[in-house]
Amino acid sequence: MNKAELINQISEKVGVTKKQAEDMIETFVEIVTTTLKSGGEVTIAGFGAFMAKTRAPRMGVNPQNPTQKIQIGAVTVPKFKAGKGLKDALKGA
């Protein structure tokens, strides 16, 4: 499912216009992004949690010259941990 399909489904199920559904999706993404950037976590009970994790620096291999080692710096990456409700729903599917 892509963003347009999600907007259509929300519009139909909630009974709002497609523009309002699109605004809801945009606002959700903006809030999650802002919260993760500030070091917070967004938890939706029964669904899951969005969080930011810092990946430690490590040694890697230069893909253009496999004999050369390169230092890969620390990076912050988004992470999603599925909640019990979502896991249980998928097990029964």
N, C-alpha and C. Protein backbone atom coordinates (compact mmCIF):
# COMPACT_ATOMS: atom_id res chain seq x y z
N MET A 1 0.85 -1.17 0.00
CA MET A 1 0.00 0.00 0.00
C MET A 1 0.90 1.24 0.00
N ASN A 2 0.59 2.16 -0.89
CA ASN A 2 1.36 3.40 -0.91
C ASN A 2 0.58 4.51 -0.20
N LYS A 3 1.16 5.69 -0.18
CA LYS A 3 0.56 6.82 0.55
C LYS A 3 -0.82 7.18 0.00
N ALA A 4 -0.98 7.21 -1.31
CA ALA A 4 -2.27 7.58 -1.92
C ALA A 4 -3.35 6.56 -1.55
N GLU A 5 -3.00 5.29 -1.55
CA GLU A 5 -3.97 4.25 -1.17
C GLU A 5 -4.34 4.37 0.30
N LEU A 6 -3.37 4.68 1.14
CA LEU A 6 -3.64 4.87 2.57
C LEU A 6 -4.58 6.06 2.77
N ILE A 7 -4.32 7.15 2.07
CA ILE A 7 -5.18 8.34 2.15
C ILE A 7 -6.61 7.98 1.74
N ASN A 8 -6.77 7.22 0.66
CA ASN A 8 -8.10 6.82 0.20
C ASN A 8 -8.83 5.98 1.26
N GLN A 9 -8.13 5.04 1.86
CA GLN A 9 -8.75 4.18 2.87
C GLN A 9 -9.15 4.96 4.11
N ILE A 10 -8.27 5.86 4.57
CA ILE A 10 -8.61 6.68 5.74
C ILE A 10 -9.81 7.55 5.42
N SER A 11 -9.82 8.15 4.24
CA SER A 11 -10.92 9.01 3.82
C SER A 11 -12.25 8.25 3.86
N GLU A 12 -12.26 7.02 3.34
CA GLU A 12 -13.48 6.22 3.31
C GLU A 12 -13.91 5.76 4.70
N LYS A 13 -12.97 5.26 5.48
CA LYS A 13 -13.31 4.69 6.80
C LYS A 13 -13.71 5.74 7.82
N VAL A 14 -13.06 6.90 7.79
CA VAL A 14 -13.33 7.93 8.79
C VAL A 14 -14.43 8.88 8.31
N GLY A 15 -14.62 8.95 7.01
CA GLY A 15 -15.66 9.83 6.48
C GLY A 15 -15.19 11.27 6.36
N VAL A 16 -13.94 11.45 6.00
CA VAL A 16 -13.39 12.80 5.78
C VAL A 16 -12.97 12.91 4.32
N THR A 17 -12.67 14.13 3.89
CA THR A 17 -12.22 14.32 2.51
C THR A 17 -10.81 13.77 2.36
N LYS A 18 -10.42 13.54 1.12
CA LYS A 18 -9.07 13.04 0.85
C LYS A 18 -8.03 14.07 1.30
N LYS A 19 -8.35 15.33 1.15
CA LYS A 19 -7.42 16.40 1.59
C LYS A 19 -7.23 16.35 3.10
N GLN A 20 -8.32 16.15 3.84
CA GLN A 20 -8.21 16.06 5.30
C GLN A 20 -7.41 14.82 5.70
N ALA A 21 -7.63 13.70 5.01
CA ALA A 21 -6.89 12.48 5.30
C ALA A 21 -5.41 12.67 5.00
N GLU A 22 -5.11 13.36 3.90
CA GLU A 22 -3.71 13.63 3.55
C GLU A 22 -3.06 14.52 4.62
N ASP A 23 -3.81 15.53 5.10
CA ASP A 23 -3.30 16.40 6.16
C ASP A 23 -3.01 15.60 7.43
N MET A 24 -3.87 14.63 7.74
CA MET A 24 -3.66 13.78 8.91
C MET A 24 -2.36 12.98 8.79
N ILE A 25 -2.15 12.39 7.62
CA ILE A 25 -0.93 11.60 7.39
C ILE A 25 0.30 12.49 7.48
N GLU A 26 0.26 13.66 6.82
CA GLU A 26 1.39 14.59 6.83
C GLU A 26 1.70 15.03 8.26
N THR A 27 0.67 15.32 9.04
CA THR A 27 0.86 15.76 10.42
C THR A 27 1.45 14.64 11.26
N PHE A 28 0.96 13.42 11.09
CA PHE A 28 1.50 12.27 11.82
C PHE A 28 3.00 12.10 11.54
N VAL A 29 3.36 12.13 10.26
CA VAL A 29 4.76 11.97 9.87
C VAL A 29 5.62 13.10 10.46
N GLU A 30 5.11 14.32 10.40
CA GLU A 30 5.84 15.48 10.93
C GLU A 30 6.05 15.34 12.45
N ILE A 31 5.01 14.94 13.17
CA ILE A 31 5.11 14.80 14.63
C ILE A 31 6.09 13.69 15.00
N VAL A 32 6.01 12.55 14.33
CA VAL A 32 6.94 11.44 14.61
C VAL A 32 8.37 11.86 14.31
N THR A 33 8.59 12.50 13.18
CA THR A 33 9.94 12.94 12.79
C THR A 33 10.50 13.93 13.80
N THR A 34 9.72 14.92 14.17
CA THR A 34 10.17 15.93 15.13
C THR A 34 10.48 15.31 16.48
N THR A 35 9.62 14.40 16.93
CA THR A 35 9.83 13.74 18.22
C THR A 35 11.10 12.91 18.21
N LEU A 36 11.33 12.16 17.13
CA LEU A 36 12.54 11.33 17.05
C LEU A 36 13.80 12.19 16.97
N LYS A 37 13.74 13.30 16.25
CA LYS A 37 14.88 14.20 16.15
C LYS A 37 15.27 14.76 17.51
N SER A 38 14.27 14.99 18.36
CA SER A 38 14.55 15.56 19.68
C SER A 38 14.88 14.48 20.71
N GLY A 39 15.01 13.24 20.26
CA GLY A 39 15.42 12.17 21.17
C GLY A 39 14.26 11.45 21.84
N GLY A 40 13.03 11.77 21.45
CA GLY A 40 11.86 11.14 22.07
C GLY A 40 11.47 9.86 21.38
N GLU A 41 10.36 9.31 21.83
CA GLU A 41 9.82 8.07 21.30
C GLU A 41 8.32 8.23 21.15
N VAL A 42 7.75 7.66 20.09
CA VAL A 42 6.31 7.71 19.86
C VAL A 42 5.78 6.29 20.00
N THR A 43 4.92 6.07 21.01
CA THR A 43 4.36 4.75 21.26
C THR A 43 2.86 4.77 21.03
N ILE A 44 2.38 3.84 20.24
CA ILE A 44 0.95 3.68 20.00
C ILE A 44 0.59 2.31 20.58
N ALA A 45 -0.14 2.32 21.70
CA ALA A 45 -0.46 1.08 22.41
C ALA A 45 -1.13 0.08 21.48
N GLY A 46 -0.65 -1.15 21.51
CA GLY A 46 -1.21 -2.22 20.69
C GLY A 46 -0.68 -2.24 19.28
N PHE A 47 0.01 -1.19 18.85
CA PHE A 47 0.55 -1.13 17.49
C PHE A 47 2.06 -1.23 17.50
N GLY A 48 2.72 -0.30 18.21
CA GLY A 48 4.17 -0.34 18.26
C GLY A 48 4.76 0.98 18.68
N ALA A 49 6.08 1.04 18.59
CA ALA A 49 6.81 2.24 19.02
C ALA A 49 7.85 2.63 17.97
N PHE A 50 7.89 3.93 17.69
CA PHE A 50 8.91 4.50 16.81
C PHE A 50 9.97 5.11 17.71
N MET A 51 11.24 4.84 17.43
CA MET A 51 12.32 5.39 18.23
C MET A 51 13.54 5.64 17.35
N ALA A 52 14.48 6.42 17.88
CA ALA A 52 15.74 6.68 17.18
C ALA A 52 16.84 5.98 17.96
N LYS A 53 17.67 5.23 17.25
CA LYS A 53 18.80 4.54 17.87
C LYS A 53 20.08 5.06 17.24
N THR A 54 21.13 5.14 18.06
CA THR A 54 22.42 5.55 17.53
C THR A 54 23.24 4.30 17.23
N ARG A 55 23.66 4.17 16.00
CA ARG A 55 24.51 3.06 15.59
C ARG A 55 25.96 3.48 15.83
N ALA A 56 26.69 2.67 16.56
CA ALA A 56 28.07 3.00 16.94
C ALA A 56 28.99 3.05 15.72
N PRO A 57 30.08 3.83 15.83
CA PRO A 57 31.05 3.84 14.72
C PRO A 57 31.69 2.46 14.59
N ARG A 58 32.08 2.12 13.36
CA ARG A 58 32.67 0.80 13.14
C ARG A 58 33.59 0.83 11.93
N MET A 59 34.38 -0.22 11.81
CA MET A 59 35.25 -0.36 10.65
C MET A 59 34.47 -1.05 9.54
N GLY A 60 34.65 -0.58 8.33
CA GLY A 60 33.99 -1.18 7.19
C GLY A 60 34.97 -1.41 6.06
N VAL A 61 34.47 -1.86 4.94
CA VAL A 61 35.30 -2.14 3.77
C VAL A 61 34.88 -1.20 2.65
N ASN A 62 35.85 -0.62 1.96
CA ASN A 62 35.57 0.24 0.82
C ASN A 62 35.05 -0.65 -0.31
N PRO A 63 33.80 -0.45 -0.76
CA PRO A 63 33.25 -1.33 -1.80
C PRO A 63 33.99 -1.22 -3.14
N GLN A 64 34.68 -0.11 -3.37
CA GLN A 64 35.42 0.04 -4.63
C GLN A 64 36.81 -0.56 -4.54
N ASN A 65 37.29 -0.77 -3.30
CA ASN A 65 38.61 -1.37 -3.09
C ASN A 65 38.51 -2.25 -1.84
N PRO A 66 38.06 -3.49 -1.97
CA PRO A 66 37.78 -4.35 -0.81
C PRO A 66 38.95 -4.58 0.14
N THR A 67 40.16 -4.32 -0.30
CA THR A 67 41.30 -4.52 0.60
C THR A 67 41.49 -3.32 1.53
N GLN A 68 40.83 -2.22 1.23
CA GLN A 68 40.97 -1.00 2.02
C GLN A 68 39.90 -0.93 3.11
N LYS A 69 40.35 -0.70 4.35
CA LYS A 69 39.42 -0.54 5.47
C LYS A 69 39.08 0.94 5.60
N ILE A 70 37.82 1.23 5.94
CA ILE A 70 37.40 2.61 6.16
C ILE A 70 36.65 2.70 7.48
N GLN A 71 36.70 3.87 8.08
CA GLN A 71 35.98 4.11 9.34
C GLN A 71 34.60 4.64 9.00
N ILE A 72 33.58 3.97 9.52
CA ILE A 72 32.20 4.42 9.34
C ILE A 72 31.77 5.08 10.64
N GLY A 73 31.37 6.33 10.55
CA GLY A 73 31.03 7.11 11.74
C GLY A 73 29.70 6.68 12.37
N ALA A 74 29.46 7.17 13.58
CA ALA A 74 28.20 6.91 14.27
C ALA A 74 27.06 7.59 13.51
N VAL A 75 25.91 6.96 13.52
CA VAL A 75 24.76 7.52 12.82
C VAL A 75 23.49 7.19 13.61
N THR A 76 22.53 8.11 13.57
CA THR A 76 21.25 7.88 14.23
C THR A 76 20.27 7.38 13.18
N VAL A 77 19.62 6.25 13.49
CA VAL A 77 18.70 5.63 12.54
C VAL A 77 17.32 5.44 13.18
N PRO A 78 16.25 5.51 12.38
CA PRO A 78 14.91 5.26 12.93
C PRO A 78 14.71 3.77 13.14
N LYS A 79 13.90 3.43 14.14
CA LYS A 79 13.62 2.03 14.44
C LYS A 79 12.15 1.92 14.83
N PHE A 80 11.54 0.80 14.45
CA PHE A 80 10.15 0.53 14.82
C PHE A 80 10.10 -0.81 15.52
N LYS A 81 9.47 -0.82 16.67
CA LYS A 81 9.29 -2.07 17.42
C LYS A 81 7.80 -2.36 17.47
N ALA A 82 7.40 -3.50 16.88
CA ALA A 82 5.98 -3.86 16.82
C ALA A 82 5.45 -4.18 18.21
N GLY A 83 4.22 -3.75 18.47
CA GLY A 83 3.56 -4.03 19.74
C GLY A 83 2.87 -5.38 19.72
N LYS A 84 2.41 -5.79 20.88
CA LYS A 84 1.78 -7.09 21.04
C LYS A 84 0.53 -7.24 20.15
N GLY A 85 -0.29 -6.22 20.10
CA GLY A 85 -1.51 -6.28 19.28
C GLY A 85 -1.21 -6.53 17.82
N LEU A 86 -0.20 -5.86 17.28
CA LEU A 86 0.18 -6.03 15.88
C LEU A 86 0.76 -7.42 15.65
N LYS A 87 1.63 -7.85 16.56
CA LYS A 87 2.23 -9.19 16.44
C LYS A 87 1.16 -10.27 16.47
N ASP A 88 0.24 -10.15 17.41
CA ASP A 88 -0.84 -11.15 17.53
C ASP A 88 -1.73 -11.16 16.30
N ALA A 89 -2.02 -9.98 15.74
CA ALA A 89 -2.87 -9.89 14.55
C ALA A 89 -2.21 -10.58 13.36
N LEU A 90 -0.88 -10.44 13.25
CA LEU A 90 -0.17 -11.07 12.13
C LEU A 90 -0.03 -12.57 12.32
N LYS A 91 0.07 -13.03 13.54
CA LYS A 91 0.17 -14.47 13.81
C LYS A 91 -1.10 -15.18 13.38
N GLY A 92 -2.23 -14.52 13.60
CA GLY A 92 -3.52 -15.13 13.28
C GLY A 92 -3.89 -15.05 11.80
N ALA A 93 -3.10 -14.29 11.04
CA ALA A 93 -3.45 -14.07 9.62
C ALA A 93 -3.15 -15.26 8.74
